[in-house]
């Protein structure tokens, strides 16, 4: 029985938080600010951004009682800041709820009319970075499967992990052994996108 509990306990819960944009004048914003008004509640909220936790894990992390944590988590849930994302079992076999942040990023906008534009812009940025990360993974995969064997003069398969590619100081050595193609692609594209955005603002 303990083996099953240990296996269940080892599950890693992940929070699927979403972007949330509020305007300063809204009632929803008042609820959020009220929920974050106490030091303990902010400590609970911060602890859940480090990693999803059960009430007892939060209590250990911020050095308070489990009952106090339940009270503060309930207030954070009512404000839509925290949500139950999973369940876990204690060593005694009791089911425990795992909590995580409900939104990330959380943005408060001063002008109500700007709220839809800010939300759309942030969604575009987050989506764009996600797509860029996927493209970088594909570039890394392609470079390891196609470009590295061609540069090494091998007929198939990636080079041995301990092999150096080309002479130190060469472009191939820099791209494959120092930076990695996917990482280089990601940051070059990010720099180009930032430069284009700045140019369009001017």
Protein backbone atom coordinates (compact mmCIF):
# COMPACT_ATOMS: atom_id res chain seq x y z
CA UNK A 1 0.00 0.00 0.00
CA UNK A 2 2.82 2.39 0.86
CA UNK A 3 4.36 1.77 -2.59
CA UNK A 4 1.16 2.96 -4.27
CA UNK A 5 0.99 6.03 -2.02
CA UNK A 6 4.65 6.79 -2.74
CA UNK A 7 4.03 6.58 -6.49
CA UNK A 8 1.00 8.85 -6.24
CA UNK A 9 2.92 11.23 -3.97
CA UNK A 10 5.67 11.53 -6.58
CA UNK A 11 3.31 12.97 -9.20
CA UNK A 12 4.26 16.47 -10.14
CA UNK A 13 1.30 18.82 -10.39
CA UNK A 14 1.61 21.74 -12.74
CA UNK A 15 -0.48 24.86 -12.75
CA UNK A 16 -2.13 25.86 -16.02
CA UNK A 17 -2.34 29.55 -15.19
CA UNK A 18 -3.67 32.06 -17.71
CA UNK A 19 -3.08 35.73 -18.40
CA UNK A 20 -5.43 37.98 -16.37
CA UNK A 21 -5.83 41.71 -17.01
CA UNK A 22 -7.84 43.90 -14.61
CA UNK A 23 -8.65 47.60 -14.62
CA UNK A 24 -8.07 49.71 -11.50
CA UNK A 25 -11.72 50.78 -11.23
CA UNK A 26 -13.23 47.27 -11.36
CA UNK A 27 -14.88 45.44 -8.47
CA UNK A 28 -12.85 42.37 -9.42
CA UNK A 29 -9.66 44.40 -8.84
CA UNK A 30 -10.88 45.42 -5.38
CA UNK A 31 -11.34 41.74 -4.52
CA UNK A 32 -7.82 40.95 -5.71
CA UNK A 33 -6.22 43.83 -3.81
CA UNK A 34 -8.19 42.97 -0.65
CA UNK A 35 -7.10 39.34 -0.95
CA UNK A 36 -3.45 40.40 -1.15
CA UNK A 37 -3.71 42.96 1.67
CA UNK A 38 -2.18 40.76 4.39
CA UNK A 39 1.45 39.65 4.63
CA UNK A 40 0.49 36.02 5.22
CA UNK A 41 -1.73 35.88 2.14
CA UNK A 42 1.00 37.37 -0.02
CA UNK A 43 3.44 34.81 1.40
CA UNK A 44 1.01 31.99 0.51
CA UNK A 45 0.58 33.40 -2.99
CA UNK A 46 4.35 33.72 -3.50
CA UNK A 47 4.91 30.17 -2.24
CA UNK A 48 2.54 28.83 -4.90
CA UNK A 49 4.47 30.62 -7.64
CA UNK A 50 7.60 28.77 -6.53
CA UNK A 51 5.76 25.46 -7.03
CA UNK A 52 2.26 24.00 -6.51
CA UNK A 53 1.78 22.85 -2.91
CA UNK A 54 -0.66 21.28 -0.48
CA UNK A 55 -1.88 23.26 2.54
CA UNK A 56 0.56 21.45 4.84
CA UNK A 57 3.47 22.15 2.46
CA UNK A 58 2.49 25.84 2.36
CA UNK A 59 2.31 25.87 6.17
CA UNK A 60 5.82 24.42 6.39
CA UNK A 61 7.11 26.88 3.78
CA UNK A 62 5.77 30.04 5.46
CA UNK A 63 5.93 28.74 9.06
CA UNK A 64 2.28 28.91 10.07
CA UNK A 65 -0.54 26.49 10.93
CA UNK A 66 -2.45 24.42 8.36
CA UNK A 67 -5.72 25.96 9.60
CA UNK A 68 -4.34 29.45 8.96
CA UNK A 69 -3.25 28.39 5.46
CA UNK A 70 -6.73 27.00 4.68
CA UNK A 71 -8.27 30.33 5.72
CA UNK A 72 -5.93 32.38 3.53
CA UNK A 73 -6.12 29.98 0.56
CA UNK A 74 -9.91 30.20 0.71
CA UNK A 75 -9.71 34.01 0.45
CA UNK A 76 -7.27 33.79 -2.45
CA UNK A 77 -9.56 31.29 -4.20
CA UNK A 78 -12.55 33.62 -3.78
CA UNK A 79 -10.54 36.38 -5.49
CA UNK A 80 -9.63 34.04 -8.36
CA UNK A 81 -5.91 34.13 -7.53
CA UNK A 82 -5.46 30.50 -6.49
CA UNK A 83 -7.08 27.26 -7.63
CA UNK A 84 -6.99 23.57 -6.85
CA UNK A 85 -4.96 21.91 -9.59
CA UNK A 86 -4.46 18.36 -8.37
CA UNK A 87 -4.78 16.02 -5.41
CA UNK A 88 -2.17 13.98 -3.58
CA UNK A 89 -2.23 11.38 -0.80
CA UNK A 90 -0.51 11.67 2.56
CA UNK A 91 1.46 8.80 4.09
CA UNK A 92 -1.68 7.95 6.07
CA UNK A 93 -3.69 7.74 2.84
CA UNK A 94 -5.61 11.01 3.30
CA UNK A 95 -6.38 12.94 0.12
CA UNK A 96 -4.86 16.43 0.03
CA UNK A 97 -5.59 19.21 -2.45
CA UNK A 98 -2.66 20.72 -4.36
CA UNK A 99 -3.00 24.46 -5.02
CA UNK A 100 -1.41 26.63 -7.68
CA UNK A 101 -1.76 30.18 -9.03
CA UNK A 102 -4.82 30.70 -11.23
CA UNK A 103 -3.28 33.44 -13.36
CA UNK A 104 0.16 34.49 -14.51
CA UNK A 105 0.81 37.20 -15.45
CA UNK A 106 -1.64 39.27 -13.41
CA UNK A 107 -1.77 42.81 -14.82
CA UNK A 108 -3.67 45.81 -13.43
CA UNK A 109 -4.32 48.58 -15.96
CA UNK A 110 -5.14 52.16 -14.98
CA UNK A 111 -7.28 53.02 -18.03
CA UNK A 112 -10.34 50.79 -18.50
CA UNK A 113 -10.43 51.45 -22.25
CA UNK A 114 -6.86 50.13 -22.61
CA UNK A 115 -7.65 46.80 -20.94
CA UNK A 116 -8.65 44.89 -24.12
CA UNK A 117 -5.58 46.22 -26.00
CA UNK A 118 -3.22 45.29 -23.16
CA UNK A 119 -4.75 41.83 -22.88
CA UNK A 120 -4.49 41.27 -26.65
CA UNK A 121 -0.88 42.53 -26.73
CA UNK A 122 0.22 40.34 -23.82
CA UNK A 123 -1.54 37.31 -25.31
CA UNK A 124 0.25 37.94 -28.62
CA UNK A 125 3.63 38.24 -26.87
CA UNK A 126 3.15 35.05 -24.81
CA UNK A 127 1.87 33.16 -27.87
CA UNK A 128 4.72 34.46 -30.03
CA UNK A 129 7.38 33.41 -27.53
CA UNK A 130 5.76 29.98 -27.26
CA UNK A 131 5.80 29.54 -31.05
CA UNK A 132 9.40 30.75 -31.18
CA UNK A 133 10.38 28.20 -28.52
CA UNK A 134 8.76 25.38 -30.54
CA UNK A 135 10.57 26.58 -33.69
CA UNK A 136 13.87 26.65 -31.73
CA UNK A 137 13.32 23.03 -30.66
CA UNK A 138 12.73 22.05 -34.30
CA UNK A 139 15.89 23.90 -35.37
CA UNK A 140 17.87 22.10 -32.64
CA UNK A 141 16.46 18.74 -33.71
CA UNK A 142 17.17 19.43 -37.39
CA UNK A 143 20.69 20.63 -36.68
CA UNK A 144 21.49 17.53 -34.61
CA UNK A 145 20.00 15.14 -37.20
CA UNK A 146 21.05 16.79 -40.46
CA UNK A 147 23.67 19.53 -40.12
CA UNK A 148 25.97 17.99 -37.49
CA UNK A 149 26.57 14.69 -39.37
CA UNK A 150 27.14 16.61 -42.60
CA UNK A 151 29.70 18.88 -40.96
CA UNK A 152 31.38 15.94 -39.20
CA UNK A 153 31.54 14.04 -42.48
CA UNK A 154 29.50 11.20 -40.95
CA UNK A 155 26.95 9.33 -43.00
CA UNK A 156 24.32 8.97 -40.30
CA UNK A 157 23.60 9.73 -36.68
CA UNK A 158 24.73 12.59 -34.46
CA UNK A 159 28.36 12.94 -33.44
CA UNK A 160 29.55 11.57 -30.15
CA UNK A 161 28.80 13.97 -27.27
CA UNK A 162 32.48 14.28 -26.42
CA UNK A 163 33.61 15.16 -29.96
CA UNK A 164 34.45 18.75 -30.81
CA UNK A 165 33.08 20.10 -34.02
CA UNK A 166 35.68 21.85 -36.13
CA UNK A 167 38.53 23.98 -34.89
CA UNK A 168 37.98 26.01 -31.72
CA UNK A 169 37.09 29.52 -32.83
CA UNK A 170 35.36 28.41 -36.05
CA UNK A 171 31.70 29.20 -36.72
CA UNK A 172 30.68 25.51 -36.64
CA UNK A 173 32.46 25.03 -33.30
CA UNK A 174 30.73 28.13 -31.86
CA UNK A 175 27.23 27.15 -33.09
CA UNK A 176 27.33 23.47 -32.15
CA UNK A 177 29.69 23.21 -29.17
CA UNK A 178 29.36 26.57 -27.41
CA UNK A 179 25.85 27.93 -27.96
CA UNK A 180 23.67 25.16 -29.48
CA UNK A 181 21.74 25.97 -32.70
CA UNK A 182 18.27 26.06 -31.12
CA UNK A 183 19.31 28.51 -28.40
CA UNK A 184 21.11 30.71 -30.94
CA UNK A 185 18.05 30.67 -33.23
CA UNK A 186 15.72 31.61 -30.33
CA UNK A 187 17.76 34.60 -29.18
CA UNK A 188 18.54 35.88 -32.68
CA UNK A 189 14.82 35.78 -33.59
CA UNK A 190 13.93 37.46 -30.27
CA UNK A 191 16.47 40.22 -30.96
CA UNK A 192 15.15 40.73 -34.51
CA UNK A 193 11.53 40.85 -33.28
CA UNK A 194 12.50 43.40 -30.58
CA UNK A 195 14.33 45.54 -33.13
CA UNK A 196 11.33 45.47 -35.49
CA UNK A 197 8.95 46.39 -32.63
CA UNK A 198 11.16 49.33 -31.61
CA UNK A 199 11.43 50.50 -35.21
CA UNK A 200 7.64 50.38 -35.61
CA UNK A 201 7.20 52.41 -32.39
CA UNK A 202 9.48 55.12 -33.72
